[in-house]
Amino acid sequence: MTKQVHSFQKIQIVKISSFNCQEKSLQKTESRRFTKFKIFFKLIHKKTMDIIIKEPTDTTPQLVSSDYTSQMYSRFLISTQTSENDTTIIIQNWVRILNIKFGWIKDFNKIVFKYVKFFVCLYSNITLVHTLTQAKHFQLQMFLNEHKSSVNRIRFSVDGQKAVSSSDDKTLQIWDVVSGKQIQIFKGHTGLVLAAEFSPNGQIIASGAGDNTIRLWDVKLGKELKKLEGHSDWVWGINFSSDGKNIVSCSTDKTIRLWDVDSGNEIKVLIGHSGGVLDVQFSPDGQKIASSSTDNTIGIWNTKSGERLKQLKGHSNYINHTKFSLDGKFVVSCSDDKTVRIWNVESGNELKILDGHSDNVNDVKYFPDGQTIVSCSRDGTIRLWDARTGCEIQNLEGYSLQSVDISSDGNKIISSSNNGAIYIWW
């Protein structure tokens, strides 16, 4: 049986009797779920944005098919300016199919909440409609599991063909992203390897570790080139300048240090944080450095003078990472306070709080287009956000996630977890 809502949109109604289910019981369940949807849709039609809804604590994983279906329905409702009567038919049918096909009882509450948030964002921000329509839908394609312990950092090469991982097993490993094959293993650090990344030309890898050193490695030969010493505690973060001539590093010794790649010499020490520094990054033009600290602040520094230009305050717990947008005008940060925040670099003002993760947010980054942000959390999810509206676009599920990165073309996501696994999505 088919109910035609519009000439181009048909929704099948599934007969319950063919599933040998108790009609009376399912009708009651269906009625309860439908009532919830009906209430939420009335709120949305009134554009009531000050309603506070608490998310259910149920952590049962959601099926990908439901996520996709829900997005399709929401796009349809908006694009066709569906009437309330037709919306009623759609919701009623949606509830029936989900109850029967997936047998959801507890999970359905979580889905209701998730898509109420989704619809509210959609109705209140018309720019998000375009984002969702054009957005790539990422799915897990590859699972790599060669590390023997937590993978603390995972980073793509600039061309997106390779990735380097750093682990508590004291090794760095290079991977072919297309085939999933391990290309190289680097051994030499005597402590946990906390960070690693490729130089812009892809020929060198820099790594930082719990042995208080930074090491430079030849990618092709698989050999250690230099050992940079100066930090008095664990080196948590490193970053190459865009021209590849300098490295900036940070440590729980509360300092930020600049290094010359060719000579291995220390150029400058930046002091100002009252807690350990967990991450550093050059701005795209190399004129500034952003730092993240356990003192719950972000530092914006002048690279040449070493002066701290801004101190950004707002997070209520350790800040794990801060990344510049490609135009250098904004930074995005993530914290153990479970939030992601967007800041204006020039003014130092906090612009948006992206709230959705239920545990520490361990990594964050802008997509190349500057319009999308990706974050990963100990709650086991990777979340994609619309940078303009602050609304969540997609939710990818993994394990307790430590790190995430995006290929330079924006078509691949790679993530790592504390169980030693690496996940590749496209």
Protein backbone atom coordinates (compact mmCIF):
# COMPACT_ATOMS: atom_id res chain seq x y z
CA MET A 1 0.00 0.00 0.00
CA THR A 2 1.36 3.44 -0.87
CA LYS A 3 0.39 6.88 0.41
CA GLN A 4 1.38 9.63 -2.00
CA VAL A 5 2.41 12.81 -0.22
CA HIS A 6 3.76 14.52 -3.32
CA SER A 7 3.88 13.30 -6.90
CA PHE A 8 7.59 12.57 -6.59
CA GLN A 9 7.69 11.35 -3.00
CA LYS A 10 6.22 7.98 -2.04
CA ILE A 11 6.56 6.33 1.30
CA GLN A 12 5.78 2.71 1.83
CA ILE A 13 3.64 1.64 4.76
CA VAL A 14 4.70 -1.74 6.10
CA LYS A 15 2.03 -4.16 7.32
CA ILE A 16 2.66 -5.29 10.86
CA SER A 17 0.78 -8.59 10.58
CA SER A 18 3.35 -10.08 8.23
CA PHE A 19 5.96 -9.88 10.98
CA ASN A 20 3.94 -12.03 13.42
CA CYS A 21 3.92 -9.16 15.92
CA GLN A 22 1.23 -8.29 18.38
CA GLU A 23 -0.70 -5.49 16.71
CA LYS A 24 -2.00 -4.02 19.96
CA SER A 25 1.44 -3.84 21.57
CA LEU A 26 3.08 -2.27 18.55
CA GLN A 27 0.28 0.23 18.16
CA LYS A 28 0.88 1.46 21.71
CA THR A 29 4.61 1.77 21.10
CA GLU A 30 4.02 3.50 17.81
CA SER A 31 1.55 5.91 19.37
CA ARG A 32 4.00 6.93 22.09
CA ARG A 33 6.83 7.56 19.61
CA PHE A 34 4.55 9.43 17.24
CA THR A 35 3.34 11.68 20.05
CA LYS A 36 6.94 12.62 20.85
CA PHE A 37 7.66 13.49 17.23
CA LYS A 38 4.44 15.47 16.94
CA ILE A 39 5.27 17.58 19.99
CA PHE A 40 8.78 18.27 18.75
CA PHE A 41 7.59 19.25 15.29
CA LYS A 42 5.13 21.74 16.76
CA LEU A 43 8.00 23.30 18.68
CA ILE A 44 10.08 23.47 15.53
CA HIS A 45 7.30 25.07 13.47
CA LYS A 46 7.07 27.79 16.11
CA LYS A 47 10.88 28.18 15.95
CA THR A 48 11.13 27.89 19.70
CA MET A 49 14.88 28.06 20.24
CA ASP A 50 15.00 28.51 23.99
CA ILE A 51 13.79 24.99 24.81
CA ILE A 52 16.35 23.07 26.81
CA ILE A 53 16.32 19.35 26.16
CA LYS A 54 18.57 16.97 28.04
CA GLU A 55 20.02 14.11 26.04
CA PRO A 56 19.18 10.58 27.18
CA THR A 57 22.15 8.79 28.70
CA ASP A 58 21.62 5.59 26.72
CA THR A 59 24.85 4.85 24.84
CA THR A 60 23.59 2.06 22.59
CA PRO A 61 25.21 2.49 19.13
CA GLN A 62 22.98 3.85 16.36
CA LEU A 63 22.66 2.20 12.97
CA VAL A 64 24.08 4.08 9.99
CA SER A 65 20.92 3.45 7.96
CA SER A 66 18.76 5.33 10.44
CA ASP A 67 21.15 8.27 10.45
CA TYR A 68 21.02 8.55 6.68
CA THR A 69 17.23 8.05 6.49
CA SER A 70 16.64 10.74 9.11
CA GLN A 71 18.77 13.23 7.21
CA MET A 72 16.96 12.45 3.97
CA TYR A 73 13.55 13.04 5.59
CA SER A 74 14.68 16.32 7.10
CA ARG A 75 16.06 17.60 3.81
CA PHE A 76 12.83 16.63 2.06
CA LEU A 77 10.63 18.42 4.61
CA ILE A 78 12.56 21.64 4.22
CA SER A 79 13.09 21.61 0.46
CA THR A 80 9.37 21.01 -0.23
CA GLN A 81 8.01 23.23 2.55
CA THR A 82 5.87 20.30 3.60
CA SER A 83 2.58 21.11 5.31
CA GLU A 84 1.86 20.00 8.85
CA ASN A 85 -0.65 17.39 7.66
CA ASP A 86 1.81 15.87 5.24
CA THR A 87 4.52 16.03 7.88
CA THR A 88 2.22 14.05 10.16
CA ILE A 89 1.92 11.31 7.56
CA ILE A 90 5.68 11.19 7.08
CA ILE A 91 6.46 11.01 10.79
CA GLN A 92 3.77 8.42 11.40
CA ASN A 93 5.15 6.22 8.65
CA TRP A 94 8.75 6.77 9.75
CA VAL A 95 7.96 5.70 13.30
CA ARG A 96 6.14 2.58 12.11
CA ILE A 97 8.98 1.48 9.82
CA LEU A 98 11.67 2.06 12.46
CA ASN A 99 9.74 0.16 15.12
CA ILE A 100 9.13 -2.80 12.83
CA LYS A 101 12.27 -2.97 10.73
CA PHE A 102 14.83 -2.27 13.44
CA GLY A 103 12.92 -3.27 16.57
CA TRP A 104 14.05 -0.14 18.33
CA ILE A 105 12.63 0.66 21.73
CA LYS A 106 15.39 2.26 23.86
CA ASP A 107 17.42 3.51 20.91
CA PHE A 108 14.46 5.40 19.53
CA ASN A 109 14.54 7.93 22.37
CA LYS A 110 18.10 8.81 21.46
CA ILE A 111 17.21 9.19 17.80
CA VAL A 112 14.29 11.47 18.65
CA PHE A 113 16.60 13.73 20.64
CA LYS A 114 19.35 13.77 18.04
CA TYR A 115 17.09 14.80 15.20
CA VAL A 116 15.16 17.34 17.23
CA LYS A 117 18.50 19.11 17.63
CA PHE A 118 19.17 18.52 13.94
CA PHE A 119 15.78 19.93 12.84
CA VAL A 120 16.06 22.96 15.13
CA CYS A 121 19.45 23.81 13.63
CA LEU A 122 18.05 23.27 10.17
CA TYR A 123 14.98 25.47 10.59
CA SER A 124 16.86 28.26 12.31
CA ASN A 125 19.87 28.31 9.96
CA ILE A 126 19.01 28.16 6.29
CA THR A 127 22.73 28.13 5.39
CA LEU A 128 22.98 24.71 7.00
CA VAL A 129 20.55 23.29 4.45
CA HIS A 130 23.06 23.93 1.69
CA THR A 131 25.89 22.51 3.80
CA LEU A 132 24.01 19.29 4.48
CA THR A 133 22.95 18.91 0.87
CA GLN A 134 26.52 19.32 -0.36
CA ALA A 135 28.31 17.58 2.53
CA LYS A 136 30.20 14.37 1.91
CA HIS A 137 28.80 11.41 3.83
CA PHE A 138 31.82 9.65 5.37
CA GLN A 139 31.82 5.92 6.04
CA LEU A 140 34.44 3.64 7.59
CA GLN A 141 36.54 2.02 4.85
CA MET A 142 39.66 0.69 6.55
CA PHE A 143 40.81 -0.56 9.95
CA LEU A 144 44.56 -0.82 10.73
CA ASN A 145 45.83 -2.51 13.85
CA GLU A 146 49.62 -2.92 14.02
CA HIS A 147 50.46 -0.79 17.05
CA LYS A 148 50.71 -2.60 20.37
CA SER A 149 49.39 0.29 22.44
CA SER A 150 47.53 3.60 22.29
CA VAL A 151 48.03 5.64 19.11
CA ASN A 152 48.41 9.18 20.41
CA ARG A 153 48.60 11.06 17.11
CA ILE A 154 47.79 10.34 13.48
CA ARG A 155 48.61 12.77 10.66
CA PHE A 156 48.32 12.72 6.87
CA SER A 157 51.17 13.66 4.56
CA VAL A 158 50.48 16.83 2.58
CA ASP A 159 49.60 14.84 -0.55
CA GLY A 160 47.20 12.64 1.45
CA GLN A 161 48.81 9.41 0.23
CA LYS A 162 50.49 8.50 3.50
CA ALA A 163 49.89 8.85 7.24
CA VAL A 164 52.22 8.72 10.23
CA SER A 165 51.15 7.38 13.61
CA SER A 166 52.85 7.79 16.99
CA SER A 167 52.23 5.43 19.85
CA ASP A 168 52.76 4.46 23.47
CA ASP A 169 54.65 1.44 22.08
CA LYS A 170 57.53 3.93 21.46
CA THR A 171 57.34 3.63 17.66
CA LEU A 172 56.27 5.71 14.69
CA GLN A 173 54.70 3.95 11.72
CA ILE A 174 54.09 5.15 8.17
CA TRP A 175 51.04 3.87 6.30
CA ASP A 176 49.91 3.79 2.70
CA VAL A 177 46.42 5.26 3.02
CA VAL A 178 45.09 3.73 -0.19
CA SER A 179 46.19 0.13 0.43
CA GLY A 180 46.34 0.22 4.23
CA LYS A 181 49.81 -1.33 4.16
CA GLN A 182 52.48 -0.44 6.68
CA ILE A 183 55.42 1.17 4.86
CA GLN A 184 57.93 1.92 7.59
CA ILE A 185 58.54 1.58 11.33
CA PHE A 186 60.76 4.05 13.17
CA LYS A 187 62.37 3.04 16.45
CA GLY A 188 64.64 5.18 18.61
CA HIS A 189 62.59 7.02 21.19
CA THR A 190 62.97 5.66 24.72
CA GLY A 191 59.63 7.06 25.88
CA LEU A 192 56.04 7.13 24.67
CA VAL A 193 55.81 8.83 21.27
CA LEU A 194 53.23 11.57 21.76
CA ALA A 195 53.31 13.43 18.44
CA ALA A 196 54.56 13.07 14.87
CA GLU A 197 53.98 14.80 11.55
CA PHE A 198 55.35 15.09 8.02
CA SER A 199 57.29 18.08 6.75
CA PRO A 200 55.51 20.01 3.96
CA ASN A 201 57.65 18.30 1.28
CA GLY A 202 56.97 14.87 2.81
CA GLN A 203 60.66 13.97 3.11
CA ILE A 204 61.06 14.37 6.88
CA ILE A 205 59.02 13.37 9.91
CA ALA A 206 59.37 15.16 13.24
CA SER A 207 58.35 13.39 16.44
CA GLY A 208 58.07 14.34 20.11
CA ALA A 209 58.14 11.92 23.01
CA GLY A 210 58.16 11.19 26.70
CA ASP A 211 61.96 10.96 26.60
CA ASN A 212 61.94 14.80 26.41
CA THR A 213 63.37 14.82 22.87
CA ILE A 214 62.33 15.76 19.35
CA ARG A 215 63.65 13.56 16.58
CA LEU A 216 63.84 14.11 12.83
CA TRP A 217 63.57 11.10 10.53
CA ASP A 218 64.30 10.50 6.85
CA VAL A 219 61.07 9.11 5.39
CA LYS A 220 62.67 7.33 2.44
CA LEU A 221 65.61 5.76 4.28
CA GLY A 222 63.82 5.17 7.58
CA LYS A 223 66.74 6.61 9.54
CA GLU A 224 67.00 9.11 12.38
CA LEU A 225 68.56 12.35 11.15
CA LYS A 226 68.73 14.49 14.28
CA LYS A 227 67.85 14.53 17.95
CA LEU A 228 66.78 17.93 19.30
CA GLU A 229 67.26 18.38 23.04
CA GLY A 230 66.22 21.28 25.23
CA HIS A 231 62.89 20.44 26.83
CA SER A 232 63.06 19.20 30.43
CA ASP A 233 59.82 17.21 30.31
CA TRP A 234 57.60 15.29 27.87
CA VAL A 235 57.24 16.80 24.39
CA TRP A 236 53.51 16.75 23.60
CA GLY A 237 53.25 18.71 20.38
CA ILE A 238 55.25 19.64 17.28
CA ASN A 239 54.49 21.48 14.04
CA PHE A 240 56.43 22.41 10.90
CA SER A 241 56.24 25.93 9.52
CA SER A 242 54.63 26.10 6.06
CA ASP A 243 58.04 26.49 4.39
CA GLY A 244 59.45 23.52 6.33
CA LYS A 245 62.40 25.49 7.70
CA ASN A 246 61.32 25.63 11.33
CA ILE A 247 59.66 23.46 13.95
CA VAL A 248 57.72 24.61 16.99
CA SER A 249 57.43 22.26 19.96
CA CYS A 250 55.74 22.28 23.36
CA SER A 251 56.13 20.41 26.60
CA THR A 252 54.82 19.84 30.09
CA ASP A 253 57.87 21.89 31.14
CA LYS A 254 55.51 24.85 30.33
CA THR A 255 57.65 26.11 27.44
CA ILE A 256 57.28 26.50 23.69
CA ARG A 257 60.46 26.23 21.63
CA LEU A 258 61.39 27.17 18.07
CA TRP A 259 63.97 25.12 16.17
CA ASP A 260 65.88 25.36 12.90
CA VAL A 261 65.33 22.16 10.90
CA ASP A 262 68.62 22.17 8.96
CA SER A 263 70.92 22.75 11.92
CA GLY A 264 68.77 21.35 14.70
CA ASN A 265 69.55 24.44 16.77
CA GLU A 266 67.10 26.00 19.21
CA ILE A 267 66.12 29.50 18.04
CA LYS A 268 63.80 30.80 20.75
CA VAL A 269 61.98 29.82 23.96
CA LEU A 270 58.47 31.19 24.56
CA ILE A 271 57.42 31.38 28.20
CA GLY A 272 54.05 32.42 29.61
CA HIS A 273 51.83 29.43 30.34
CA SER A 274 51.40 28.46 33.99
CA GLY A 275 50.68 24.83 33.07
CA GLY A 276 51.99 22.22 30.69
CA VAL A 277 51.65 23.00 26.99
CA LEU A 278 49.92 20.18 25.09
CA ASP A 279 49.79 21.46 21.51
CA VAL A 280 51.26 24.14 19.23
CA GLN A 281 50.64 25.21 15.65
CA PHE A 282 52.01 27.83 13.29
CA SER A 283 49.50 30.08 11.55
CA PRO A 284 49.36 29.52 7.76
CA ASP A 285 51.56 32.58 7.15
CA GLY A 286 53.98 31.56 9.90
CA GLN A 287 53.65 34.89 11.72
CA LYS A 288 51.79 33.51 14.74
CA ILE A 289 51.74 30.43 16.95
CA ALA A 290 48.74 29.05 18.82
CA SER A 291 49.31 27.02 21.98
CA SER A 292 47.03 24.88 24.18
CA SER A 293 47.68 24.40 27.86
CA THR A 294 46.68 22.63 31.05
CA ASP A 295 46.23 26.12 32.54
CA ASN A 296 42.94 26.14 30.54
CA THR A 297 44.07 28.94 28.22
CA ILE A 298 45.08 29.36 24.59
CA GLY A 299 48.08 31.50 23.77
CA ILE A 300 48.49 33.44 20.51
CA TRP A 301 52.17 34.35 20.03
CA ASN A 302 54.23 36.49 17.68
CA THR A 303 56.66 34.04 16.07
CA LYS A 304 59.42 36.57 15.46
CA SER A 305 59.43 38.38 18.81
CA GLY A 306 58.16 35.56 21.02
CA GLU A 307 55.63 37.93 22.58
CA ARG A 308 52.26 36.58 23.67
CA LEU A 309 49.68 38.65 21.78
CA LYS A 310 46.48 37.15 23.20
CA GLN A 311 45.42 34.84 25.99
CA LEU A 312 42.08 33.21 25.20
CA LYS A 313 39.99 32.17 28.19
CA GLY A 314 36.73 30.24 28.28
CA HIS A 315 37.48 26.54 28.62
CA SER A 316 37.04 25.11 32.12
CA ASN A 317 39.53 22.24 31.78
CA TYR A 318 42.72 21.22 29.98
CA ILE A 319 42.89 22.36 26.35
CA ASN A 320 44.20 19.53 24.20
CA HIS A 321 44.49 21.13 20.76
CA THR A 322 44.08 24.47 19.02
CA LYS A 323 44.13 24.76 15.22
CA PHE A 324 44.11 27.74 12.85
CA SER A 325 41.66 28.10 9.99
CA LEU A 326 43.37 28.21 6.58
CA ASP A 327 42.96 31.99 6.35
CA GLY A 328 44.46 32.39 9.84
CA LYS A 329 41.55 34.49 11.10
CA PHE A 330 40.11 31.91 13.47
CA VAL A 331 41.24 29.12 15.75
CA VAL A 332 39.24 26.13 16.94
CA SER A 333 40.04 24.46 20.25
CA CYS A 334 39.03 21.30 22.10
CA SER A 335 39.14 20.49 25.77
CA ASP A 336 38.60 18.02 28.57
CA ASP A 337 35.56 20.17 29.40
CA LYS A 338 33.86 18.23 26.53
CA THR A 339 33.46 21.28 24.28
CA VAL A 340 34.83 22.59 21.00
CA ARG A 341 35.16 26.38 20.72
CA ILE A 342 35.74 28.82 17.87
CA TRP A 343 37.70 32.04 18.46
CA ASN A 344 38.52 35.21 16.55
CA VAL A 345 42.32 35.52 16.47
CA GLU A 346 42.45 39.31 16.09
CA SER A 347 40.00 40.17 18.88
CA GLY A 348 40.49 37.09 21.04
CA ASN A 349 36.71 36.76 21.37
CA GLU A 350 34.99 33.42 21.72
CA LEU A 351 32.53 33.10 18.84
CA LYS A 352 30.84 29.72 19.31
CA ILE A 353 30.69 26.72 21.60
CA LEU A 354 30.09 23.39 19.86
CA ASP A 355 28.46 21.18 22.44
CA GLY A 356 27.70 17.52 21.79
CA HIS A 357 30.52 15.30 22.97
CA SER A 358 29.93 13.46 26.24
CA ASP A 359 33.60 13.08 27.24
CA ASN A 360 37.01 14.71 26.78
CA VAL A 361 37.51 16.12 23.27
CA ASN A 362 41.01 15.02 22.28
CA ASP A 363 41.58 16.53 18.84
CA VAL A 364 40.07 19.05 16.44
CA LYS A 365 40.78 20.52 13.02
CA TYR A 366 39.30 22.67 10.25
CA PHE A 367 38.49 21.10 6.90
CA PRO A 368 40.36 22.67 3.94
CA ASP A 369 37.21 24.58 2.93
CA GLY A 370 37.20 26.36 6.29
CA GLN A 371 33.45 25.75 6.62
CA THR A 372 33.58 22.41 8.44
CA ILE A 373 35.25 21.32 11.67
CA VAL A 374 36.06 17.76 12.72
CA SER A 375 36.56 16.69 16.34
CA CYS A 376 37.15 13.39 18.11
CA SER A 377 36.51 12.37 21.69
CA ARG A 378 37.05 9.78 24.33
CA ASP A 379 33.29 9.20 24.01
CA GLY A 380 34.10 7.14 20.89
CA THR A 381 32.76 9.57 18.28
CA ILE A 382 34.07 11.76 15.50
CA ARG A 383 31.79 14.72 14.90
CA LEU A 384 31.61 17.02 11.91
CA TRP A 385 30.34 20.54 12.57
CA ASP A 386 29.22 23.45 10.44
CA ALA A 387 31.67 26.20 11.42
CA ARG A 388 29.20 29.00 10.62
CA THR A 389 26.18 27.71 12.51
CA GLY A 390 27.81 25.45 15.11
CA CYS A 391 25.42 22.62 14.20
CA GLU A 392 26.51 19.01 14.02
CA ILE A 393 26.54 17.59 10.47
CA GLN A 394 27.62 13.98 10.98
CA ASN A 395 28.55 11.59 13.77
CA LEU A 396 31.02 8.74 13.13
CA GLU A 397 31.46 6.04 15.73
CA GLY A 398 34.75 4.36 16.62
CA TYR A 399 36.50 3.52 19.87
CA SER A 400 37.88 5.87 22.53
CA LEU A 401 39.47 8.28 20.06
CA GLN A 402 42.78 10.06 20.60
CA SER A 403 43.44 11.85 17.33
CA VAL A 404 41.87 12.83 14.00
CA ASP A 405 43.11 14.38 10.77
CA ILE A 406 41.74 15.34 7.34
CA SER A 407 43.43 14.87 3.98
CA SER A 408 44.37 18.05 2.12
CA ASP A 409 41.57 17.50 -0.42
CA GLY A 410 39.00 17.05 2.38
CA ASN A 411 37.94 13.63 1.10
CA LYS A 412 39.43 11.38 3.77
CA ILE A 413 39.38 11.31 7.56
CA ILE A 414 41.85 9.27 9.59
CA SER A 415 41.56 8.67 13.32
CA SER A 416 43.38 6.74 16.03
CA SER A 417 42.33 5.23 19.33
CA ASN A 418 43.74 4.18 22.67
CA ASN A 419 43.36 0.50 21.76
CA GLY A 420 46.06 0.83 19.08
CA ALA A 421 43.66 0.95 16.12
CA ILE A 422 43.62 3.36 13.18
CA TYR A 423 40.43 4.07 11.22
CA ILE A 424 40.20 5.54 7.71
CA TRP A 425 36.95 7.06 6.45
CA TRP A 426 35.89 8.38 3.07
